[in-house]
């Protein structure tokens, strides 16, 4: 595998876990950027812009590292044309989960790779359907602490899996880092699917 210095411009443990599962060593380098949505900005444009800004900010901070590649990612939930980001409090989380109850919503995750060759961004869009939730379930879920730091006030890889009846799209994208799109970007940096598989191989043909 190409010896590429890889940085993850995110503090999300879920994104780091997904890279770890692939065997991709990276340095976590969170970036503090303004994540305010621009007036009339479409959800897809919004997450792609933030992913790009995170990746490029990380690259600037490691500009002395030759060959460095920086991954940035951003996720948002869209239901009935409304963007659901991280809840600000319990009331906000209850509002979001109540809106998602019994409906299909979209999860948009953008991933960007910034290097001295430029920045490329790809978008993953998935549909997630929730069963109907009771007020008691929503309140109990909030008390677990899981929804507090997640777009849409839920984590599909956690307890909220109990609410999901159908998924169409990328499970890893819903978690916060679409693997297929990430690998497609890394291909240009010399890290290929074959490289990753070879390092996991345990037998010879």
N, C-alpha and C. Protein backbone atom coordinates (compact mmCIF):
# COMPACT_ATOMS: atom_id res chain seq x y z
N UNK A 1 0.84 -1.19 0.00
CA UNK A 1 0.00 0.00 0.00
C UNK A 1 0.87 1.24 0.00
N UNK A 2 0.45 2.26 -0.73
CA UNK A 2 1.22 3.48 -0.79
C UNK A 2 1.34 4.10 0.60
N UNK A 3 2.54 4.59 0.91
CA UNK A 3 2.78 5.21 2.21
C UNK A 3 2.33 6.66 2.16
N UNK A 4 1.04 6.87 2.36
CA UNK A 4 0.44 8.20 2.24
C UNK A 4 0.08 8.71 3.63
N UNK A 5 0.63 9.85 4.06
CA UNK A 5 0.21 10.42 5.34
C UNK A 5 -1.25 10.84 5.26
N UNK A 6 -2.10 10.18 6.03
CA UNK A 6 -3.54 10.40 5.95
C UNK A 6 -4.04 11.05 7.23
N UNK A 7 -4.82 12.11 7.08
CA UNK A 7 -5.38 12.83 8.21
C UNK A 7 -6.89 12.87 8.11
N UNK A 8 -7.55 12.74 9.26
CA UNK A 8 -9.01 12.78 9.31
C UNK A 8 -9.43 14.06 10.03
N UNK A 9 -10.05 14.97 9.28
CA UNK A 9 -10.43 16.27 9.83
C UNK A 9 -11.76 16.16 10.57
N UNK A 10 -11.81 15.28 11.56
CA UNK A 10 -13.05 15.04 12.29
C UNK A 10 -12.73 14.41 13.63
N UNK A 11 -13.51 14.79 14.64
CA UNK A 11 -13.37 14.17 15.96
C UNK A 11 -14.33 13.00 16.14
N UNK A 12 -15.09 12.67 15.09
CA UNK A 12 -16.10 11.62 15.18
C UNK A 12 -15.45 10.25 15.35
N UNK A 13 -15.72 9.56 16.46
CA UNK A 13 -15.16 8.21 16.64
C UNK A 13 -15.70 7.22 15.62
N UNK A 14 -16.91 7.48 15.11
CA UNK A 14 -17.50 6.57 14.12
C UNK A 14 -16.72 6.62 12.81
N UNK A 15 -16.32 7.80 12.39
CA UNK A 15 -15.53 7.92 11.16
C UNK A 15 -14.16 7.28 11.32
N UNK A 16 -13.56 7.49 12.47
CA UNK A 16 -12.26 6.86 12.74
C UNK A 16 -12.40 5.35 12.77
N UNK A 17 -13.45 4.84 13.37
CA UNK A 17 -13.67 3.39 13.42
C UNK A 17 -13.79 2.79 12.02
N UNK A 18 -14.50 3.48 11.12
CA UNK A 18 -14.67 2.97 9.76
C UNK A 18 -13.33 2.89 9.03
N UNK A 19 -12.46 3.87 9.22
CA UNK A 19 -11.14 3.82 8.61
C UNK A 19 -10.30 2.71 9.24
N UNK A 20 -10.43 2.55 10.55
CA UNK A 20 -9.69 1.48 11.25
C UNK A 20 -10.09 0.11 10.73
N UNK A 21 -11.38 -0.08 10.47
CA UNK A 21 -11.86 -1.37 9.97
C UNK A 21 -11.24 -1.70 8.62
N UNK A 22 -10.95 -0.68 7.85
CA UNK A 22 -10.32 -0.88 6.54
C UNK A 22 -8.81 -1.06 6.66
N UNK A 23 -8.28 -0.79 7.84
CA UNK A 23 -6.84 -0.88 8.01
C UNK A 23 -6.11 0.36 7.54
N UNK A 24 -6.83 1.47 7.46
CA UNK A 24 -6.24 2.73 7.00
C UNK A 24 -5.80 3.55 8.21
N UNK A 25 -4.51 3.60 8.43
CA UNK A 25 -3.98 4.37 9.55
C UNK A 25 -4.11 5.86 9.24
N UNK A 26 -4.61 6.61 10.21
CA UNK A 26 -4.76 8.04 10.01
C UNK A 26 -4.53 8.78 11.31
N UNK A 27 -4.23 10.04 11.19
CA UNK A 27 -4.11 10.93 12.34
C UNK A 27 -5.36 11.78 12.43
N UNK A 28 -5.99 11.78 13.59
CA UNK A 28 -7.21 12.56 13.79
C UNK A 28 -6.83 14.03 13.98
N UNK A 29 -7.42 14.88 13.16
CA UNK A 29 -7.07 16.31 13.17
C UNK A 29 -8.35 17.14 13.00
N UNK A 30 -9.17 17.23 14.06
CA UNK A 30 -10.44 17.96 13.95
C UNK A 30 -10.21 19.43 13.60
N UNK A 31 -11.18 19.99 12.85
CA UNK A 31 -11.08 21.38 12.45
C UNK A 31 -12.28 22.17 12.97
N UNK A 32 -12.01 23.34 13.48
CA UNK A 32 -13.06 24.21 14.01
C UNK A 32 -13.43 25.23 12.95
N UNK A 33 -14.48 24.94 12.20
CA UNK A 33 -14.91 25.86 11.14
C UNK A 33 -16.33 26.32 11.43
N UNK A 34 -16.71 27.39 10.78
CA UNK A 34 -18.09 27.89 10.90
C UNK A 34 -19.00 26.97 10.09
N UNK A 35 -19.92 26.29 10.76
CA UNK A 35 -20.79 25.34 10.09
C UNK A 35 -22.17 25.92 9.82
N UNK A 36 -22.28 27.24 9.86
CA UNK A 36 -23.58 27.87 9.58
C UNK A 36 -23.97 27.65 8.13
N UNK A 37 -25.23 27.39 7.93
CA UNK A 37 -25.75 27.21 6.57
C UNK A 37 -25.94 28.57 5.91
N UNK A 38 -25.57 28.67 4.65
CA UNK A 38 -25.75 29.91 3.91
C UNK A 38 -27.21 30.09 3.52
N UNK A 39 -27.67 31.31 3.34
CA UNK A 39 -29.07 31.55 2.95
C UNK A 39 -29.42 30.80 1.66
N UNK A 40 -30.52 30.07 1.71
CA UNK A 40 -31.05 29.33 0.55
C UNK A 40 -30.12 28.22 0.06
N UNK A 41 -29.13 27.85 0.87
CA UNK A 41 -28.20 26.80 0.45
C UNK A 41 -28.89 25.44 0.50
N UNK A 42 -28.80 24.68 -0.58
CA UNK A 42 -29.42 23.36 -0.64
C UNK A 42 -28.66 22.39 0.26
N UNK A 43 -29.35 21.37 0.81
CA UNK A 43 -28.68 20.43 1.71
C UNK A 43 -27.43 19.79 1.11
N UNK A 44 -27.50 19.36 -0.15
CA UNK A 44 -26.34 18.72 -0.77
C UNK A 44 -25.16 19.69 -0.88
N UNK A 45 -25.45 20.92 -1.29
CA UNK A 45 -24.40 21.94 -1.39
C UNK A 45 -23.80 22.24 -0.02
N UNK A 46 -24.66 22.24 0.98
CA UNK A 46 -24.24 22.54 2.36
C UNK A 46 -23.23 21.52 2.88
N UNK A 47 -23.56 20.22 2.78
CA UNK A 47 -22.65 19.21 3.33
C UNK A 47 -21.38 19.10 2.49
N UNK A 48 -21.49 19.31 1.18
CA UNK A 48 -20.30 19.25 0.34
C UNK A 48 -19.35 20.42 0.63
N UNK A 49 -19.91 21.58 0.88
CA UNK A 49 -19.09 22.73 1.21
C UNK A 49 -18.36 22.52 2.54
N UNK A 50 -19.07 22.03 3.55
CA UNK A 50 -18.44 21.82 4.85
C UNK A 50 -17.37 20.74 4.80
N UNK A 51 -17.63 19.66 4.07
CA UNK A 51 -16.62 18.61 3.93
C UNK A 51 -15.36 19.16 3.29
N UNK A 52 -15.54 19.96 2.24
CA UNK A 52 -14.40 20.58 1.55
C UNK A 52 -13.63 21.51 2.49
N UNK A 53 -14.35 22.34 3.22
CA UNK A 53 -13.69 23.31 4.10
C UNK A 53 -12.91 22.60 5.21
N UNK A 54 -13.47 21.53 5.75
CA UNK A 54 -12.77 20.79 6.80
C UNK A 54 -11.48 20.17 6.26
N UNK A 55 -11.58 19.53 5.10
CA UNK A 55 -10.41 18.88 4.51
C UNK A 55 -9.33 19.90 4.16
N UNK A 56 -9.72 21.02 3.59
CA UNK A 56 -8.74 22.03 3.19
C UNK A 56 -8.12 22.73 4.39
N UNK A 57 -8.90 22.92 5.45
CA UNK A 57 -8.35 23.52 6.67
C UNK A 57 -7.31 22.59 7.29
N UNK A 58 -7.60 21.28 7.28
CA UNK A 58 -6.64 20.31 7.81
C UNK A 58 -5.36 20.30 6.99
N UNK A 59 -5.51 20.37 5.67
CA UNK A 59 -4.33 20.37 4.80
C UNK A 59 -3.44 21.58 5.07
N UNK A 60 -4.05 22.72 5.30
CA UNK A 60 -3.27 23.92 5.59
C UNK A 60 -2.46 23.76 6.87
N UNK A 61 -3.02 23.03 7.84
CA UNK A 61 -2.32 22.86 9.12
C UNK A 61 -1.18 21.85 9.05
N UNK A 62 -1.13 21.06 7.97
CA UNK A 62 -0.05 20.07 7.83
C UNK A 62 0.71 20.29 6.52
N UNK A 63 0.77 21.55 6.08
CA UNK A 63 1.32 21.82 4.75
C UNK A 63 2.81 21.51 4.62
N UNK A 64 3.47 21.21 5.75
CA UNK A 64 4.89 20.84 5.67
C UNK A 64 5.07 19.33 5.51
N UNK A 65 3.96 18.57 5.59
CA UNK A 65 4.03 17.11 5.45
C UNK A 65 3.91 16.76 3.97
N UNK A 66 4.98 16.25 3.40
CA UNK A 66 5.00 15.93 1.98
C UNK A 66 4.02 14.80 1.66
N UNK A 67 3.18 15.03 0.66
CA UNK A 67 2.25 14.00 0.22
C UNK A 67 1.04 13.80 1.10
N UNK A 68 0.82 14.71 2.06
CA UNK A 68 -0.30 14.55 2.98
C UNK A 68 -1.64 14.62 2.28
N UNK A 69 -2.57 13.77 2.72
CA UNK A 69 -3.95 13.78 2.24
C UNK A 69 -4.86 13.95 3.45
N UNK A 70 -5.85 14.82 3.32
CA UNK A 70 -6.75 15.11 4.42
C UNK A 70 -8.19 14.82 4.03
N UNK A 71 -8.84 14.01 4.84
CA UNK A 71 -10.25 13.67 4.61
C UNK A 71 -11.14 14.54 5.49
N UNK A 72 -12.15 15.12 4.85
CA UNK A 72 -13.17 15.85 5.59
C UNK A 72 -14.53 15.27 5.26
N UNK A 73 -15.43 15.30 6.22
CA UNK A 73 -16.75 14.74 5.97
C UNK A 73 -17.79 15.51 6.75
N UNK A 74 -19.01 15.52 6.22
CA UNK A 74 -20.10 16.17 6.93
C UNK A 74 -21.40 15.45 6.61
N UNK A 75 -22.26 15.35 7.60
CA UNK A 75 -23.52 14.61 7.47
C UNK A 75 -24.69 15.48 7.92
N UNK A 76 -25.78 15.40 7.20
CA UNK A 76 -27.00 16.04 7.65
C UNK A 76 -28.19 15.16 7.32
N UNK A 77 -29.26 15.37 8.04
CA UNK A 77 -30.50 14.63 7.84
C UNK A 77 -31.54 15.59 7.29
N UNK A 78 -32.28 15.13 6.29
CA UNK A 78 -33.31 15.97 5.67
C UNK A 78 -34.65 15.24 5.73
N UNK A 79 -35.64 15.92 6.27
CA UNK A 79 -37.00 15.35 6.35
C UNK A 79 -37.99 16.42 5.94
N UNK A 80 -38.81 16.13 4.95
CA UNK A 80 -39.79 17.09 4.45
C UNK A 80 -39.14 18.43 4.12
N UNK A 81 -37.98 18.34 3.47
CA UNK A 81 -37.22 19.52 3.01
C UNK A 81 -36.62 20.36 4.14
N UNK A 82 -36.64 19.85 5.36
CA UNK A 82 -36.03 20.56 6.48
C UNK A 82 -34.74 19.85 6.89
N UNK A 83 -33.69 20.63 7.10
CA UNK A 83 -32.41 20.07 7.54
C UNK A 83 -32.42 19.88 9.05
N UNK A 84 -32.08 18.66 9.47
CA UNK A 84 -31.94 18.35 10.89
C UNK A 84 -30.46 18.14 11.19
N UNK A 85 -29.88 19.06 11.93
CA UNK A 85 -28.49 18.92 12.34
C UNK A 85 -28.45 18.33 13.75
N UNK A 86 -27.40 18.59 14.50
CA UNK A 86 -27.33 18.09 15.87
C UNK A 86 -28.33 18.86 16.74
N UNK A 87 -29.06 18.18 17.60
CA UNK A 87 -30.04 18.89 18.43
C UNK A 87 -29.36 19.82 19.43
N UNK A 88 -29.98 20.95 19.68
CA UNK A 88 -29.39 21.90 20.64
C UNK A 88 -29.77 21.55 22.07
N UNK A 89 -30.88 20.82 22.25
CA UNK A 89 -31.30 20.42 23.59
C UNK A 89 -32.34 19.31 23.47
N UNK A 90 -32.88 18.88 24.61
CA UNK A 90 -33.84 17.78 24.63
C UNK A 90 -35.09 18.11 23.82
N UNK A 91 -35.55 19.33 23.93
CA UNK A 91 -36.76 19.73 23.20
C UNK A 91 -36.53 19.64 21.69
N UNK A 92 -35.37 20.08 21.24
CA UNK A 92 -35.04 20.03 19.83
C UNK A 92 -34.96 18.59 19.34
N UNK A 93 -34.36 17.73 20.15
CA UNK A 93 -34.25 16.31 19.79
C UNK A 93 -35.62 15.67 19.69
N UNK A 94 -36.50 15.98 20.63
CA UNK A 94 -37.86 15.43 20.59
C UNK A 94 -38.59 15.88 19.33
N UNK A 95 -38.39 17.13 18.95
CA UNK A 95 -39.03 17.66 17.73
C UNK A 95 -38.54 16.89 16.50
N UNK A 96 -37.23 16.68 16.42
CA UNK A 96 -36.66 15.97 15.27
C UNK A 96 -37.17 14.54 15.21
N UNK A 97 -37.05 13.83 16.32
CA UNK A 97 -37.45 12.42 16.33
C UNK A 97 -38.94 12.26 16.08
N UNK A 98 -39.72 13.20 16.58
CA UNK A 98 -41.16 13.17 16.30
C UNK A 98 -41.45 13.36 14.83
N UNK A 99 -40.66 14.20 14.17
CA UNK A 99 -40.84 14.43 12.74
C UNK A 99 -40.41 13.22 11.92
N UNK A 100 -39.38 12.50 12.39
CA UNK A 100 -38.88 11.33 11.67
C UNK A 100 -39.78 10.11 11.88
N UNK A 101 -40.55 10.11 12.94
CA UNK A 101 -41.40 8.97 13.30
C UNK A 101 -42.36 8.60 12.18
N UNK A 102 -42.30 7.34 11.76
CA UNK A 102 -43.22 6.82 10.76
C UNK A 102 -42.98 7.32 9.35
N UNK A 103 -41.82 7.92 9.09
CA UNK A 103 -41.54 8.50 7.78
C UNK A 103 -40.21 8.02 7.21
N UNK A 104 -40.02 8.29 5.93
CA UNK A 104 -38.73 8.08 5.27
C UNK A 104 -38.04 9.43 5.12
N UNK A 105 -36.79 9.47 5.55
CA UNK A 105 -36.02 10.70 5.43
C UNK A 105 -34.71 10.41 4.70
N UNK A 106 -33.98 11.45 4.38
CA UNK A 106 -32.72 11.30 3.67
C UNK A 106 -31.54 11.65 4.58
N UNK A 107 -30.47 10.89 4.41
CA UNK A 107 -29.20 11.20 5.08
C UNK A 107 -28.18 11.53 4.00
N UNK A 108 -27.67 12.73 4.04
CA UNK A 108 -26.67 13.18 3.07
C UNK A 108 -25.32 13.27 3.76
N UNK A 109 -24.34 12.56 3.22
CA UNK A 109 -22.98 12.65 3.74
C UNK A 109 -22.02 12.93 2.60
N UNK A 110 -21.26 13.99 2.75
CA UNK A 110 -20.23 14.34 1.78
C UNK A 110 -18.87 13.99 2.34
N UNK A 111 -17.97 13.54 1.49
CA UNK A 111 -16.59 13.28 1.89
C UNK A 111 -15.68 13.99 0.90
N UNK A 112 -14.65 14.65 1.42
CA UNK A 112 -13.72 15.40 0.60
C UNK A 112 -12.30 14.93 0.88
N UNK A 113 -11.47 14.92 -0.14
CA UNK A 113 -10.05 14.60 0.02
C UNK A 113 -9.24 15.77 -0.53
N UNK A 114 -8.47 16.39 0.36
CA UNK A 114 -7.64 17.52 -0.03
C UNK A 114 -6.17 17.12 -0.02
N UNK A 115 -5.46 17.50 -1.07
CA UNK A 115 -4.03 17.26 -1.16
C UNK A 115 -3.43 18.40 -1.98
N UNK A 116 -2.13 18.36 -2.20
CA UNK A 116 -1.50 19.40 -3.01
C UNK A 116 -1.99 19.35 -4.45
N UNK A 117 -2.64 18.26 -4.83
CA UNK A 117 -3.19 18.13 -6.19
C UNK A 117 -4.56 18.78 -6.32
N UNK A 118 -5.11 19.22 -5.20
CA UNK A 118 -6.44 19.82 -5.22
C UNK A 118 -7.39 19.10 -4.29
N UNK A 119 -8.65 19.45 -4.37
CA UNK A 119 -9.68 18.86 -3.51
C UNK A 119 -10.80 18.27 -4.36
N UNK A 120 -11.18 17.04 -4.02
CA UNK A 120 -12.30 16.40 -4.68
C UNK A 120 -13.34 16.04 -3.63
N UNK A 121 -14.61 16.15 -4.02
CA UNK A 121 -15.71 15.91 -3.08
C UNK A 121 -16.73 14.96 -3.73
N UNK A 122 -17.19 13.98 -2.96
CA UNK A 122 -18.25 13.08 -3.41
C UNK A 122 -19.38 13.08 -2.39
N UNK A 123 -20.58 12.81 -2.87
CA UNK A 123 -21.77 12.85 -2.02
C UNK A 123 -22.47 11.51 -1.99
N UNK A 124 -22.87 11.08 -0.81
CA UNK A 124 -23.67 9.87 -0.63
C UNK A 124 -25.04 10.27 -0.09
N UNK A 125 -26.10 9.77 -0.74
CA UNK A 125 -27.47 10.05 -0.29
C UNK A 125 -28.19 8.74 -0.03
N UNK A 126 -28.74 8.59 1.16
CA UNK A 126 -29.43 7.36 1.55
C UNK A 126 -30.81 7.68 2.09
N UNK A 127 -31.74 6.73 1.92
CA UNK A 127 -33.08 6.85 2.48
C UNK A 127 -33.19 5.95 3.70
N UNK A 128 -33.75 6.49 4.77
CA UNK A 128 -33.94 5.73 6.01
C UNK A 128 -35.39 5.86 6.44
N UNK A 129 -36.03 4.73 6.73
CA UNK A 129 -37.42 4.75 7.17
C UNK A 129 -37.51 4.34 8.64
N UNK A 130 -38.19 5.17 9.42
CA UNK A 130 -38.44 4.88 10.84
C UNK A 130 -39.86 4.32 11.00
N UNK A 131 -40.01 3.41 11.95
CA UNK A 131 -41.36 3.04 12.36
C UNK A 131 -41.92 4.17 13.22
N UNK A 132 -43.18 4.08 13.54
CA UNK A 132 -43.79 5.09 14.40
C UNK A 132 -43.22 4.97 15.82
N UNK A 133 -42.85 6.09 16.39
CA UNK A 133 -42.27 6.11 17.73
C UNK A 133 -43.26 6.73 18.72
N UNK A 134 -43.27 6.21 19.92
CA UNK A 134 -44.11 6.81 20.96
C UNK A 134 -43.33 7.92 21.65
N UNK A 135 -44.05 8.80 22.31
CA UNK A 135 -43.42 9.88 23.07
C UNK A 135 -42.52 9.31 24.16
N UNK A 136 -42.97 8.23 24.77
CA UNK A 136 -42.17 7.61 25.83
C UNK A 136 -40.86 7.06 25.28
N UNK A 137 -40.90 6.46 24.09
CA UNK A 137 -39.68 5.95 23.47
C UNK A 137 -38.71 7.09 23.15
N UNK A 138 -39.24 8.17 22.62
CA UNK A 138 -38.41 9.31 22.27
C UNK A 138 -37.75 9.88 23.52
N UNK A 139 -38.52 10.04 24.59
CA UNK A 139 -37.96 10.57 25.83
C UNK A 139 -36.89 9.64 26.40
N UNK A 140 -37.18 8.34 26.37
CA UNK A 140 -36.22 7.37 26.90
C UNK A 140 -34.95 7.35 26.07
N UNK A 141 -35.10 7.48 24.76
CA UNK A 141 -33.93 7.48 23.88
C UNK A 141 -33.05 8.71 24.17
N UNK A 142 -33.66 9.85 24.36
CA UNK A 142 -32.88 11.05 24.68
C UNK A 142 -32.08 10.84 25.97
N UNK A 143 -32.69 10.18 26.95
CA UNK A 143 -32.01 10.00 28.23
C UNK A 143 -30.81 9.07 28.14
N UNK A 144 -30.71 8.30 27.06
CA UNK A 144 -29.52 7.45 26.89
C UNK A 144 -28.28 8.27 26.57
N UNK A 145 -28.48 9.50 26.11
CA UNK A 145 -27.35 10.35 25.73
C UNK A 145 -26.90 10.17 24.29
N UNK A 146 -27.40 9.16 23.62
CA UNK A 146 -26.94 8.87 22.26
C UNK A 146 -27.29 9.96 21.24
N UNK A 147 -28.46 10.57 21.31
CA UNK A 147 -28.84 11.52 20.25
C UNK A 147 -28.13 12.87 20.30
N UNK A 148 -27.50 13.21 21.41
CA UNK A 148 -27.08 14.58 21.66
C UNK A 148 -26.11 15.14 20.63
N UNK A 149 -25.20 14.30 20.11
CA UNK A 149 -24.16 14.82 19.22
C UNK A 149 -24.29 14.31 17.79
N UNK A 150 -25.51 13.95 17.40
CA UNK A 150 -25.70 13.33 16.09
C UNK A 150 -26.72 14.08 15.24
N UNK A 151 -26.41 14.21 13.96
CA UNK A 151 -27.36 14.84 13.04
C UNK A 151 -28.67 14.07 13.04
N UNK A 152 -29.78 14.79 13.12
CA UNK A 152 -31.08 14.13 13.16
C UNK A 152 -31.43 13.56 14.50
N UNK A 153 -30.54 13.71 15.48
CA UNK A 153 -30.76 13.23 16.86
C UNK A 153 -30.85 11.71 16.97
N UNK A 154 -30.10 11.01 16.10
CA UNK A 154 -30.04 9.55 16.26
C UNK A 154 -28.77 8.99 15.66
N UNK A 155 -28.37 7.82 16.19
CA UNK A 155 -27.22 7.10 15.66
C UNK A 155 -27.67 5.73 15.20
N UNK A 156 -27.58 5.49 13.90
CA UNK A 156 -28.11 4.23 13.36
C UNK A 156 -27.31 3.03 13.83
N UNK A 157 -26.03 3.24 14.17
CA UNK A 157 -25.19 2.14 14.61
C UNK A 157 -25.40 1.81 16.09
N UNK A 158 -26.27 2.58 16.74
CA UNK A 158 -26.51 2.37 18.16
C UNK A 158 -27.93 1.92 18.44
N UNK A 159 -28.50 2.46 19.51
CA UNK A 159 -29.83 2.04 19.95
C UNK A 159 -30.92 2.41 18.95
N UNK A 160 -30.69 3.44 18.14
CA UNK A 160 -31.72 3.85 17.17
C UNK A 160 -31.95 2.81 16.08
N UNK A 161 -31.09 1.81 16.00
CA UNK A 161 -31.33 0.72 15.05
C UNK A 161 -32.69 0.07 15.30
N UNK A 162 -33.18 0.17 16.54
CA UNK A 162 -34.49 -0.39 16.86
C UNK A 162 -35.63 0.33 16.15
N UNK A 163 -35.36 1.55 15.70
CA UNK A 163 -36.41 2.36 15.08
C UNK A 163 -36.48 2.19 13.57
N UNK A 164 -35.44 1.63 12.98
CA UNK A 164 -35.29 1.62 11.52
C UNK A 164 -35.94 0.38 10.91
N UNK A 165 -36.82 0.60 9.94
CA UNK A 165 -37.47 -0.52 9.25
C UNK A 165 -36.92 -0.76 7.86
N UNK A 166 -36.29 0.26 7.27
CA UNK A 166 -35.77 0.09 5.91
C UNK A 166 -34.67 1.11 5.63
N UNK A 167 -33.65 0.64 4.89
CA UNK A 167 -32.56 1.51 4.45
C UNK A 167 -32.34 1.30 2.96
N UNK A 168 -32.15 2.38 2.24
CA UNK A 168 -31.76 2.30 0.84
C UNK A 168 -30.59 3.24 0.64
N UNK A 169 -29.42 2.65 0.38
CA UNK A 169 -28.24 3.49 0.22
C UNK A 169 -27.04 2.94 0.97
N UNK A 170 -26.22 3.83 1.49
CA UNK A 170 -24.96 3.46 2.13
C UNK A 170 -25.08 3.47 3.64
N UNK A 171 -24.92 2.30 4.27
CA UNK A 171 -24.98 2.24 5.73
C UNK A 171 -23.84 3.04 6.34
N UNK A 172 -22.63 2.90 5.77
CA UNK A 172 -21.50 3.65 6.31
C UNK A 172 -21.69 5.15 6.09
N UNK A 173 -22.36 5.51 5.00
CA UNK A 173 -22.67 6.92 4.77
C UNK A 173 -23.60 7.46 5.84
N UNK A 174 -24.58 6.66 6.24
CA UNK A 174 -25.50 7.08 7.30
C UNK A 174 -24.74 7.23 8.61
N UNK A 175 -23.73 6.39 8.82
CA UNK A 175 -22.90 6.49 10.03
C UNK A 175 -22.03 7.74 10.01
N UNK A 176 -21.71 8.25 8.81
CA UNK A 176 -20.93 9.48 8.76
C UNK A 176 -19.74 9.49 7.83
N UNK A 177 -19.42 8.34 7.21
CA UNK A 177 -18.30 8.30 6.26
C UNK A 177 -18.58 7.22 5.22
N UNK A 178 -19.08 7.58 4.05
CA UNK A 178 -19.39 6.57 3.03
C UNK A 178 -18.13 5.91 2.52
N UNK A 179 -17.99 4.61 2.77
CA UNK A 179 -16.74 3.92 2.48
C UNK A 179 -16.44 3.87 0.98
N UNK A 180 -17.44 3.55 0.17
CA UNK A 180 -17.19 3.43 -1.27
C UNK A 180 -16.69 4.74 -1.85
N UNK A 181 -17.32 5.84 -1.47
CA UNK A 181 -16.91 7.15 -1.96
C UNK A 181 -15.53 7.53 -1.41
N UNK A 182 -15.26 7.16 -0.17
CA UNK A 182 -13.96 7.47 0.42
C UNK A 182 -12.84 6.75 -0.32
N UNK A 183 -13.05 5.47 -0.60
CA UNK A 183 -12.04 4.70 -1.33
C UNK A 183 -11.86 5.23 -2.75
N UNK A 184 -12.96 5.65 -3.37
CA UNK A 184 -12.86 6.22 -4.71
C UNK A 184 -11.94 7.44 -4.71
N UNK A 185 -12.03 8.26 -3.66
CA UNK A 185 -11.17 9.43 -3.56
C UNK A 185 -9.72 9.02 -3.26
N UNK A 186 -9.55 8.02 -2.40
CA UNK A 186 -8.20 7.59 -2.03
C UNK A 186 -7.47 6.92 -3.19
N UNK A 187 -8.24 6.35 -4.14
CA UNK A 187 -7.61 5.75 -5.31
C UNK A 187 -6.66 6.73 -6.00
N UNK A 188 -7.07 7.98 -6.06
CA UNK A 188 -6.26 9.00 -6.70
C UNK A 188 -5.00 9.34 -5.93
N UNK A 189 -4.98 8.93 -4.64
CA UNK A 189 -3.80 9.19 -3.81
C UNK A 189 -2.89 7.96 -3.73
N UNK A 190 -3.24 6.92 -4.48
CA UNK A 190 -2.40 5.73 -4.51
C UNK A 190 -2.83 4.63 -3.56
N UNK A 191 -3.96 4.81 -2.89
CA UNK A 191 -4.49 3.77 -2.01
C UNK A 191 -5.68 3.13 -2.71
N UNK A 192 -5.57 1.90 -3.12
CA UNK A 192 -6.62 1.25 -3.90
C UNK A 192 -7.33 0.17 -3.09
N UNK A 193 -8.47 -0.26 -3.63
CA UNK A 193 -9.22 -1.35 -3.00
C UNK A 193 -8.36 -2.60 -2.91
N UNK A 194 -7.60 -2.88 -3.96
CA UNK A 194 -6.73 -4.06 -3.97
C UNK A 194 -5.67 -3.96 -2.88
N UNK A 195 -5.10 -2.78 -2.69
CA UNK A 195 -4.11 -2.58 -1.63
C UNK A 195 -4.70 -2.96 -0.27
N UNK A 196 -5.91 -2.48 -0.02
CA UNK A 196 -6.55 -2.72 1.27
C UNK A 196 -6.85 -4.20 1.46
N UNK A 197 -7.35 -4.85 0.42
CA UNK A 197 -7.66 -6.28 0.51
C UNK A 197 -6.39 -7.10 0.73
N UNK A 198 -5.32 -6.74 0.04
CA UNK A 198 -4.07 -7.49 0.17
C UNK A 198 -3.52 -7.46 1.58
N UNK A 199 -3.66 -6.35 2.26
CA UNK A 199 -3.11 -6.26 3.61
C UNK A 199 -3.93 -7.08 4.62
N UNK A 200 -5.17 -7.42 4.22
CA UNK A 200 -6.02 -8.24 5.09
C UNK A 200 -5.95 -9.73 4.71
N UNK A 201 -5.30 -10.04 3.60
CA UNK A 201 -5.28 -11.43 3.12
C UNK A 201 -4.52 -12.33 4.09
N UNK A 202 -5.10 -13.50 4.34
CA UNK A 202 -4.48 -14.45 5.27
C UNK A 202 -4.07 -15.74 4.59
N UNK A 203 -4.51 -15.95 3.36
CA UNK A 203 -4.18 -17.18 2.64
C UNK A 203 -3.65 -16.86 1.24
N UNK A 204 -2.95 -17.79 0.67
CA UNK A 204 -2.44 -17.66 -0.69
C UNK A 204 -3.26 -18.54 -1.63
N UNK A 205 -3.54 -18.04 -2.81
CA UNK A 205 -4.27 -18.84 -3.81
C UNK A 205 -3.30 -19.74 -4.55
